[in-house]
Amino acid sequence: MIFLTFDAFFDTFNKASELIYMKKKTILICQECLSRNYEVTKTEKSTRFEVKKYCKKCKKHTIHKEGK
């Protein structure tokens, strides 16, 4: 018979939940002025993407790419 302490059970529960909800914060960077304007959450396995968004520094809509 195996007895788990509360801490050991809690650690395994967190690891299991991390496998299900693998989301990561990424930053979108303007391609004209290179300012970092937006933070986006996305899944871990998706590819890099581009979005046309408003840049506060350029004061117009520009293409924003995902930063590293």
PDB file of N, CA and C in Angstrom:
ATOM      1  N   MET A   1       0.843  -1.164   0.000  1.00  0.00           N
ATOM      2  CA  MET A   1       0.000   0.000   0.000  1.00  0.00           C
ATOM      3  C   MET A   1       0.897   1.239   0.000  1.00  0.00           C
ATOM      4  N   ILE A   2       0.607   2.180  -0.918  1.00  0.00           N
ATOM      5  CA  ILE A   2       1.424   3.383  -1.052  1.00  0.00           C
ATOM      6  C   ILE A   2       0.638   4.573  -0.509  1.00  0.00           C
ATOM      7  N   PHE A   3       1.277   5.298   0.385  1.00  0.00           N
ATOM      8  CA  PHE A   3       0.661   6.508   0.928  1.00  0.00           C
ATOM      9  C   PHE A   3       1.363   7.727   0.346  1.00  0.00           C
ATOM     10  N   LEU A   4       0.605   8.610  -0.249  1.00  0.00           N
ATOM     11  CA  LEU A   4       1.164   9.846  -0.784  1.00  0.00           C
ATOM     12  C   LEU A   4       0.869  10.998   0.165  1.00  0.00           C
ATOM     13  N   THR A   5       1.856  11.795   0.400  1.00  0.00           N
ATOM     14  CA  THR A   5       1.607  12.992   1.192  1.00  0.00           C
ATOM     15  C   THR A   5       0.870  14.005   0.324  1.00  0.00           C
ATOM     16  N   PHE A   6       0.339  15.026   0.944  1.00  0.00           N
ATOM     17  CA  PHE A   6      -0.405  16.039   0.205  1.00  0.00           C
ATOM     18  C   PHE A   6       0.497  16.751  -0.801  1.00  0.00           C
ATOM     19  N   ASP A   7       1.762  17.026  -0.422  1.00  0.00           N
ATOM     20  CA  ASP A   7       2.696  17.718  -1.312  1.00  0.00           C
ATOM     21  C   ASP A   7       3.018  16.877  -2.538  1.00  0.00           C
ATOM     22  N   ALA A   8       3.232  15.581  -2.359  1.00  0.00           N
ATOM     23  CA  ALA A   8       3.537  14.713  -3.487  1.00  0.00           C
ATOM     24  C   ALA A   8       2.350  14.622  -4.435  1.00  0.00           C
ATOM     25  N   PHE A   9       1.137  14.550  -3.907  1.00  0.00           N
ATOM     26  CA  PHE A   9      -0.050  14.505  -4.748  1.00  0.00           C
ATOM     27  C   PHE A   9      -0.215  15.810  -5.503  1.00  0.00           C
ATOM     28  N   PHE A  10       0.032  16.928  -4.840  1.00  0.00           N
ATOM     29  CA  PHE A  10      -0.120  18.236  -5.461  1.00  0.00           C
ATOM     30  C   PHE A  10       0.884  18.417  -6.602  1.00  0.00           C
ATOM     31  N   ASP A  11       2.126  17.941  -6.430  1.00  0.00           N
ATOM     32  CA  ASP A  11       3.136  18.052  -7.480  1.00  0.00           C
ATOM     33  C   ASP A  11       2.743  17.247  -8.712  1.00  0.00           C
ATOM     34  N   THR A  12       2.251  16.023  -8.530  1.00  0.00           N
ATOM     35  CA  THR A  12       1.846  15.228  -9.682  1.00  0.00           C
ATOM     36  C   THR A  12       0.642  15.855 -10.364  1.00  0.00           C
ATOM     37  N   PHE A  13      -0.239  16.462  -9.610  1.00  0.00           N
ATOM     38  CA  PHE A  13      -1.418  17.105 -10.194  1.00  0.00           C
ATOM     39  C   PHE A  13      -1.007  18.300 -11.049  1.00  0.00           C
ATOM     40  N   ASN A  14      -0.056  19.095 -10.584  1.00  0.00           N
ATOM     41  CA  ASN A  14       0.414  20.238 -11.365  1.00  0.00           C
ATOM     42  C   ASN A  14       1.078  19.796 -12.658  1.00  0.00           C
ATOM     43  N   LYS A  15       1.883  18.752 -12.614  1.00  0.00           N
ATOM     44  CA  LYS A  15       2.549  18.279 -13.820  1.00  0.00           C
ATOM     45  C   LYS A  15       1.546  17.766 -14.833  1.00  0.00           C
ATOM     46  N   ALA A  16       0.517  17.092 -14.399  1.00  0.00           N
ATOM     47  CA  ALA A  16      -0.507  16.595 -15.308  1.00  0.00           C
ATOM     48  C   ALA A  16      -1.268  17.756 -15.931  1.00  0.00           C
ATOM     49  N   SER A  17      -1.560  18.784 -15.157  1.00  0.00           N
ATOM     50  CA  SER A  17      -2.301  19.914 -15.703  1.00  0.00           C
ATOM     51  C   SER A  17      -1.441  20.713 -16.679  1.00  0.00           C
ATOM     52  N   GLU A  18      -0.126  20.750 -16.475  1.00  0.00           N
ATOM     53  CA  GLU A  18       0.745  21.449 -17.400  1.00  0.00           C
ATOM     54  C   GLU A  18       0.782  20.751 -18.753  1.00  0.00           C
ATOM     55  N   LEU A  19       0.666  19.439 -18.764  1.00  0.00           N
ATOM     56  CA  LEU A  19       0.653  18.720 -20.028  1.00  0.00           C
ATOM     57  C   LEU A  19      -0.605  19.027 -20.833  1.00  0.00           C
ATOM     58  N   ILE A  20      -1.700  19.240 -20.164  1.00  0.00           N
ATOM     59  CA  ILE A  20      -2.955  19.518 -20.850  1.00  0.00           C
ATOM     60  C   ILE A  20      -2.986  20.958 -21.358  1.00  0.00           C
ATOM     61  N   TYR A  21      -2.607  21.905 -20.528  1.00  0.00           N
ATOM     62  CA  TYR A  21      -2.708  23.316 -20.875  1.00  0.00           C
ATOM     63  C   TYR A  21      -1.329  23.908 -21.149  1.00  0.00           C
ATOM     64  N   MET A  22      -0.709  23.524 -22.250  1.00  0.00           N
ATOM     65  CA  MET A  22       0.608  24.044 -22.568  1.00  0.00           C
ATOM     66  C   MET A  22       0.456  25.336 -23.358  1.00  0.00           C
ATOM     67  N   LYS A  23       0.299  26.448 -22.649  1.00  0.00           N
ATOM     68  CA  LYS A  23       0.197  27.748 -23.291  1.00  0.00           C
ATOM     69  C   LYS A  23       1.385  28.584 -22.891  1.00  0.00           C
ATOM     70  N   LYS A  24       1.762  29.487 -23.771  1.00  0.00           N
ATOM     71  CA  LYS A  24       2.964  30.261 -23.561  1.00  0.00           C
ATOM     72  C   LYS A  24       2.687  31.715 -23.930  1.00  0.00           C
ATOM     73  N   LYS A  25       3.218  32.649 -23.149  1.00  0.00           N
ATOM     74  CA  LYS A  25       3.091  34.056 -23.489  1.00  0.00           C
ATOM     75  C   LYS A  25       4.129  34.411 -24.535  1.00  0.00           C
ATOM     76  N   THR A  26       3.698  35.070 -25.591  1.00  0.00           N
ATOM     77  CA  THR A  26       4.616  35.545 -26.612  1.00  0.00           C
ATOM     78  C   THR A  26       4.389  37.029 -26.831  1.00  0.00           C
ATOM     79  N   ILE A  27       5.379  37.687 -27.383  1.00  0.00           N
ATOM     80  CA  ILE A  27       5.326  39.126 -27.619  1.00  0.00           C
ATOM     81  C   ILE A  27       5.282  39.364 -29.117  1.00  0.00           C
ATOM     82  N   LEU A  28       4.431  40.292 -29.540  1.00  0.00           N
ATOM     83  CA  LEU A  28       4.357  40.670 -30.947  1.00  0.00           C
ATOM     84  C   LEU A  28       5.194  41.918 -31.168  1.00  0.00           C
ATOM     85  N   ILE A  29       6.036  41.890 -32.223  1.00  0.00           N
ATOM     86  CA  ILE A  29       6.964  42.975 -32.512  1.00  0.00           C
ATOM     87  C   ILE A  29       6.602  43.616 -33.842  1.00  0.00           C
ATOM     88  N   CYS A  30       6.530  44.943 -33.846  1.00  0.00           N
ATOM     89  CA  CYS A  30       6.250  45.688 -35.072  1.00  0.00           C
ATOM     90  C   CYS A  30       7.435  45.548 -36.022  1.00  0.00           C
ATOM     91  N   GLN A  31       7.169  45.347 -37.318  1.00  0.00           N
ATOM     92  CA  GLN A  31       8.245  45.149 -38.279  1.00  0.00           C
ATOM     93  C   GLN A  31       8.855  46.451 -38.783  1.00  0.00           C
ATOM     94  N   GLU A  32       8.187  47.573 -38.586  1.00  0.00           N
ATOM     95  CA  GLU A  32       8.745  48.845 -39.046  1.00  0.00           C
ATOM     96  C   GLU A  32       9.604  49.523 -37.986  1.00  0.00           C
ATOM     97  N   CYS A  33       9.077  49.645 -36.762  1.00  0.00           N
ATOM     98  CA  CYS A  33       9.831  50.360 -35.718  1.00  0.00           C
ATOM     99  C   CYS A  33      10.433  49.419 -34.669  1.00  0.00           C
ATOM    100  N   LEU A  34      10.144  48.124 -34.753  1.00  0.00           N
ATOM    101  CA  LEU A  34      10.653  47.083 -33.857  1.00  0.00           C
ATOM    102  C   LEU A  34      10.260  47.278 -32.390  1.00  0.00           C
ATOM    103  N   SER A  35       9.136  47.955 -32.146  1.00  0.00           N
ATOM    104  CA  SER A  35       8.659  48.099 -30.773  1.00  0.00           C
ATOM    105  C   SER A  35       7.830  46.875 -30.404  1.00  0.00           C
ATOM    106  N   ARG A  36       7.865  46.534 -29.131  1.00  0.00           N
ATOM    107  CA  ARG A  36       7.139  45.370 -28.628  1.00  0.00           C
ATOM    108  C   ARG A  36       5.823  45.857 -28.049  1.00  0.00           C
ATOM    109  N   ASN A  37       4.731  45.641 -28.792  1.00  0.00           N
ATOM    110  CA  ASN A  37       3.458  46.255 -28.436  1.00  0.00           C
ATOM    111  C   ASN A  37       2.486  45.339 -27.719  1.00  0.00           C
ATOM    112  N   TYR A  38       2.369  44.094 -28.120  1.00  0.00           N
ATOM    113  CA  TYR A  38       1.312  43.220 -27.635  1.00  0.00           C
ATOM    114  C   TYR A  38       1.866  41.945 -27.030  1.00  0.00           C
ATOM    115  N   GLU A  39       1.139  41.407 -26.022  1.00  0.00           N
ATOM    116  CA  GLU A  39       1.415  40.081 -25.462  1.00  0.00           C
ATOM    117  C   GLU A  39       0.243  39.176 -25.793  1.00  0.00           C
ATOM    118  N   VAL A  40       0.543  37.977 -26.265  1.00  0.00           N
ATOM    119  CA  VAL A  40      -0.483  37.027 -26.682  1.00  0.00           C
ATOM    120  C   VAL A  40      -0.173  35.675 -26.057  1.00  0.00           C
ATOM    121  N   THR A  41      -1.203  34.941 -25.641  1.00  0.00           N
ATOM    122  CA  THR A  41      -0.992  33.567 -25.200  1.00  0.00           C
ATOM    123  C   THR A  41      -1.352  32.636 -26.348  1.00  0.00           C
ATOM    124  N   LYS A  42      -0.546  31.624 -26.537  1.00  0.00           N
ATOM    125  CA  LYS A  42      -0.794  30.661 -27.608  1.00  0.00           C
ATOM    126  C   LYS A  42      -0.313  29.294 -27.167  1.00  0.00           C
ATOM    127  N   THR A  43      -0.718  28.280 -27.898  1.00  0.00           N
ATOM    128  CA  THR A  43      -0.301  26.928 -27.563  1.00  0.00           C
ATOM    129  C   THR A  43       1.162  26.737 -27.923  1.00  0.00           C
ATOM    130  N   GLU A  44       1.781  25.792 -27.295  1.00  0.00           N
ATOM    131  CA  GLU A  44       3.222  25.581 -27.418  1.00  0.00           C
ATOM    132  C   GLU A  44       3.625  25.101 -28.818  1.00  0.00           C
ATOM    133  N   LYS A  45       2.823  24.268 -29.453  1.00  0.00           N
ATOM    134  CA  LYS A  45       3.249  23.616 -30.678  1.00  0.00           C
ATOM    135  C   LYS A  45       2.896  24.373 -31.953  1.00  0.00           C
ATOM    136  N   SER A  46       2.180  25.474 -31.864  1.00  0.00           N
ATOM    137  CA  SER A  46       1.804  26.184 -33.084  1.00  0.00           C
ATOM    138  C   SER A  46       3.000  26.945 -33.657  1.00  0.00           C
ATOM    139  N   THR A  47       2.944  27.239 -34.949  1.00  0.00           N
ATOM    140  CA  THR A  47       4.052  27.904 -35.629  1.00  0.00           C
ATOM    141  C   THR A  47       4.009  29.403 -35.381  1.00  0.00           C
ATOM    142  N   ARG A  48       5.046  30.096 -35.784  1.00  0.00           N
ATOM    143  CA  ARG A  48       5.091  31.551 -35.635  1.00  0.00           C
ATOM    144  C   ARG A  48       4.083  32.187 -36.583  1.00  0.00           C
ATOM    145  N   PHE A  49       3.523  33.286 -36.158  1.00  0.00           N
ATOM    146  CA  PHE A  49       2.497  33.905 -36.975  1.00  0.00           C
ATOM    147  C   PHE A  49       2.709  35.402 -37.100  1.00  0.00           C
ATOM    148  N   GLU A  50       2.035  35.988 -38.103  1.00  0.00           N
ATOM    149  CA  GLU A  50       2.052  37.423 -38.359  1.00  0.00           C
ATOM    150  C   GLU A  50       0.627  37.935 -38.271  1.00  0.00           C
ATOM    151  N   VAL A  51       0.474  39.134 -37.711  1.00  0.00           N
ATOM    152  CA  VAL A  51      -0.848  39.739 -37.574  1.00  0.00           C
ATOM    153  C   VAL A  51      -0.708  41.211 -37.937  1.00  0.00           C
ATOM    154  N   LYS A  52      -1.717  41.750 -38.608  1.00  0.00           N
ATOM    155  CA  LYS A  52      -1.718  43.172 -38.896  1.00  0.00           C
ATOM    156  C   LYS A  52      -2.446  43.869 -37.756  1.00  0.00           C
ATOM    157  N   LYS A  53      -1.707  44.651 -36.951  1.00  0.00           N
ATOM    158  CA  LYS A  53      -2.261  45.329 -35.773  1.00  0.00           C
ATOM    159  C   LYS A  53      -1.815  46.781 -35.760  1.00  0.00           C
ATOM    160  N   TYR A  54      -2.467  47.563 -34.908  1.00  0.00           N
ATOM    161  CA  TYR A  54      -2.150  48.980 -34.787  1.00  0.00           C
ATOM    162  C   TYR A  54      -0.907  49.166 -33.917  1.00  0.00           C
ATOM    163  N   CYS A  55       0.047  49.945 -34.406  1.00  0.00           N
ATOM    164  CA  CYS A  55       1.263  50.254 -33.648  1.00  0.00           C
ATOM    165  C   CYS A  55       1.119  51.653 -33.060  1.00  0.00           C
ATOM    166  N   LYS A  56       1.303  51.771 -31.755  1.00  0.00           N
ATOM    167  CA  LYS A  56       1.164  53.060 -31.075  1.00  0.00           C
ATOM    168  C   LYS A  56       2.299  54.017 -31.442  1.00  0.00           C
ATOM    169  N   LYS A  57       3.468  53.468 -31.684  1.00  0.00           N
ATOM    170  CA  LYS A  57       4.618  54.306 -31.988  1.00  0.00           C
ATOM    171  C   LYS A  57       4.569  54.818 -33.432  1.00  0.00           C
ATOM    172  N   CYS A  58       4.211  53.943 -34.383  1.00  0.00           N
ATOM    173  CA  CYS A  58       4.108  54.341 -35.797  1.00  0.00           C
ATOM    174  C   CYS A  58       2.802  55.085 -36.083  1.00  0.00           C
ATOM    175  N   LYS A  59       1.805  54.859 -35.241  1.00  0.00           N
ATOM    176  CA  LYS A  59       0.462  55.435 -35.389  1.00  0.00           C
ATOM    177  C   LYS A  59      -0.215  55.017 -36.690  1.00  0.00           C
ATOM    178  N   LYS A  60      -0.056  53.731 -37.027  1.00  0.00           N
ATOM    179  CA  LYS A  60      -0.743  53.151 -38.186  1.00  0.00           C
ATOM    180  C   LYS A  60      -0.750  51.631 -38.044  1.00  0.00           C
ATOM    181  N   HIS A  61      -1.503  50.953 -38.897  1.00  0.00           N
ATOM    182  CA  HIS A  61      -1.557  49.499 -38.888  1.00  0.00           C
ATOM    183  C   HIS A  61      -0.333  48.944 -39.615  1.00  0.00           C
ATOM    184  N   THR A  62       0.395  48.065 -38.931  1.00  0.00           N
ATOM    185  CA  THR A  62       1.583  47.439 -39.515  1.00  0.00           C
ATOM    186  C   THR A  62       1.547  45.942 -39.199  1.00  0.00           C
ATOM    187  N   ILE A  63       2.436  45.223 -39.855  1.00  0.00           N
ATOM    188  CA  ILE A  63       2.541  43.785 -39.596  1.00  0.00           C
ATOM    189  C   ILE A  63       3.351  43.571 -38.331  1.00  0.00           C
ATOM    190  N   HIS A  64       2.825  42.761 -37.429  1.00  0.00           N
ATOM    191  CA  HIS A  64       3.500  42.386 -36.182  1.00  0.00           C
ATOM    192  C   HIS A  64       3.826  40.898 -36.251  1.00  0.00           C
ATOM    193  N   LYS A  65       5.078  40.552 -35.973  1.00  0.00           N
ATOM    194  CA  LYS A  65       5.497  39.150 -35.941  1.00  0.00           C
ATOM    195  C   LYS A  65       5.780  38.739 -34.509  1.00  0.00           C
ATOM    196  N   GLU A  66       5.729  37.461 -34.297  1.00  0.00           N
ATOM    197  CA  GLU A  66       6.001  36.905 -32.980  1.00  0.00           C
ATOM    198  C   GLU A  66       7.491  36.974 -32.677  1.00  0.00           C
ATOM    199  N   GLY A  67       7.816  37.467 -31.474  1.00  0.00           N
ATOM    200  CA  GLY A  67       9.217  37.567 -31.058  1.00  0.00           C
ATOM    201  C   GLY A  67       9.741  36.259 -30.516  1.00  0.00           C
ATOM    202  N   LYS A  68      11.039  36.182 -30.316  1.00  0.00           N
ATOM    203  CA  LYS A  68      11.650  34.960 -29.796  1.00  0.00           C
ATOM    204  C   LYS A  68      11.579  34.914 -28.294  1.00  0.00           C
TER     205      LYS A  68
END
